[in-house]
Protein backbone atom coordinates (compact mmCIF):
# COMPACT_ATOMS: atom_id res chain seq x y z
CA MET A 1 11.96 85.15 104.67
CA ASN A 2 15.38 86.73 104.91
CA ALA A 3 16.29 90.11 106.41
CA GLN A 4 16.44 91.81 103.00
CA GLU A 5 12.91 90.66 102.12
CA LYS A 6 11.65 91.73 105.56
CA ALA A 7 13.18 95.18 105.09
CA LEU A 8 11.56 95.50 101.65
CA LEU A 9 8.16 94.51 103.06
CA ASP A 10 8.49 97.02 105.89
CA LYS A 11 9.35 99.74 103.38
CA LEU A 12 6.45 98.81 101.10
CA ALA A 13 4.02 98.68 104.03
CA GLN A 14 4.76 102.33 104.80
CA THR A 15 3.25 103.38 101.47
CA ASN A 16 0.74 100.58 100.89
CA PRO A 17 -2.15 100.41 103.36
CA GLU A 18 -3.38 97.08 101.98
CA LEU A 19 -0.02 95.43 102.61
CA LYS A 20 0.21 97.02 106.05
CA ALA A 21 -3.23 95.65 106.93
CA LEU A 22 -2.27 92.18 105.70
CA MET A 23 0.89 92.17 107.77
CA GLU A 24 -1.03 93.29 110.85
CA GLU A 25 -3.70 90.64 110.23
CA HIS A 26 -1.01 87.97 109.91
CA ARG A 27 0.56 89.05 113.23
CA ASN A 28 -2.83 89.07 114.98
CA LEU A 29 -3.69 85.61 113.66
CA ASP A 30 -0.29 84.36 114.79
CA VAL A 31 -1.00 85.59 118.34
CA LYS A 32 -4.44 83.93 118.36
CA LEU A 33 -2.96 80.69 117.08
CA ASP A 34 -0.23 80.73 119.73
CA GLU A 35 -2.85 81.22 122.43
CA MET A 36 -4.89 78.29 121.15
CA ASN A 37 -1.83 76.06 120.86
CA LYS A 38 -0.98 76.69 124.53
CA ARG A 39 -4.25 75.14 125.67
CA PRO A 40 -3.91 71.58 126.93
CA TYR A 41 -7.18 70.57 125.30
CA LEU A 42 -9.31 71.95 122.46
CA SER A 43 -12.96 71.16 122.08
CA PRO A 44 -14.05 70.12 118.58
CA GLU A 45 -15.35 73.67 118.04
CA ASP A 46 -12.05 75.18 119.20
CA ASP A 47 -10.11 72.81 116.97
CA LEU A 48 -12.22 73.89 114.00
CA GLU A 49 -11.59 77.53 114.89
CA ARG A 50 -7.84 76.82 115.13
CA LYS A 51 -7.91 75.34 111.63
CA LYS A 52 -9.78 78.38 110.29
CA ILE A 53 -7.18 80.67 111.86
CA GLN A 54 -4.38 78.61 110.31
CA LYS A 55 -5.97 78.89 106.86
CA ALA A 56 -6.55 82.63 107.22
CA LYS A 57 -2.96 83.12 108.37
CA LEU A 58 -1.64 81.14 105.40
CA ASN A 59 -3.86 83.11 103.03
CA ALA A 60 -2.50 86.40 104.43
CA LYS A 61 1.06 85.08 104.13
CA ASP A 62 0.50 84.12 100.49
CA LYS A 63 -0.82 87.60 99.70
CA ILE A 64 2.14 89.21 101.49
CA HIS A 65 4.53 87.08 99.43
CA GLY A 66 2.62 88.17 96.32
CA PHE A 67 3.41 91.79 97.16
CA LEU A 68 7.04 90.84 97.75
CA GLU A 69 7.38 89.03 94.40
CA ALA A 70 5.71 91.90 92.53
CA ASN A 71 8.20 94.39 93.97
CA LYS A 72 11.52 92.52 93.74
């Protein structure tokens, strides 16, 4: 995502609570994923949780890009 697209998303998020929530969710998932990736070992349950977080983060990103494409 380039700077122009980021600026457009930030502007749209100010007036669209759904987009703002998606962007916040994406950031929160990114933090959780970073924390999990810093662990030297993941149990099978933790690895499954990491994969769920990755999928949720990707889903949020796809929806954010949908907003971006609809408003270009």
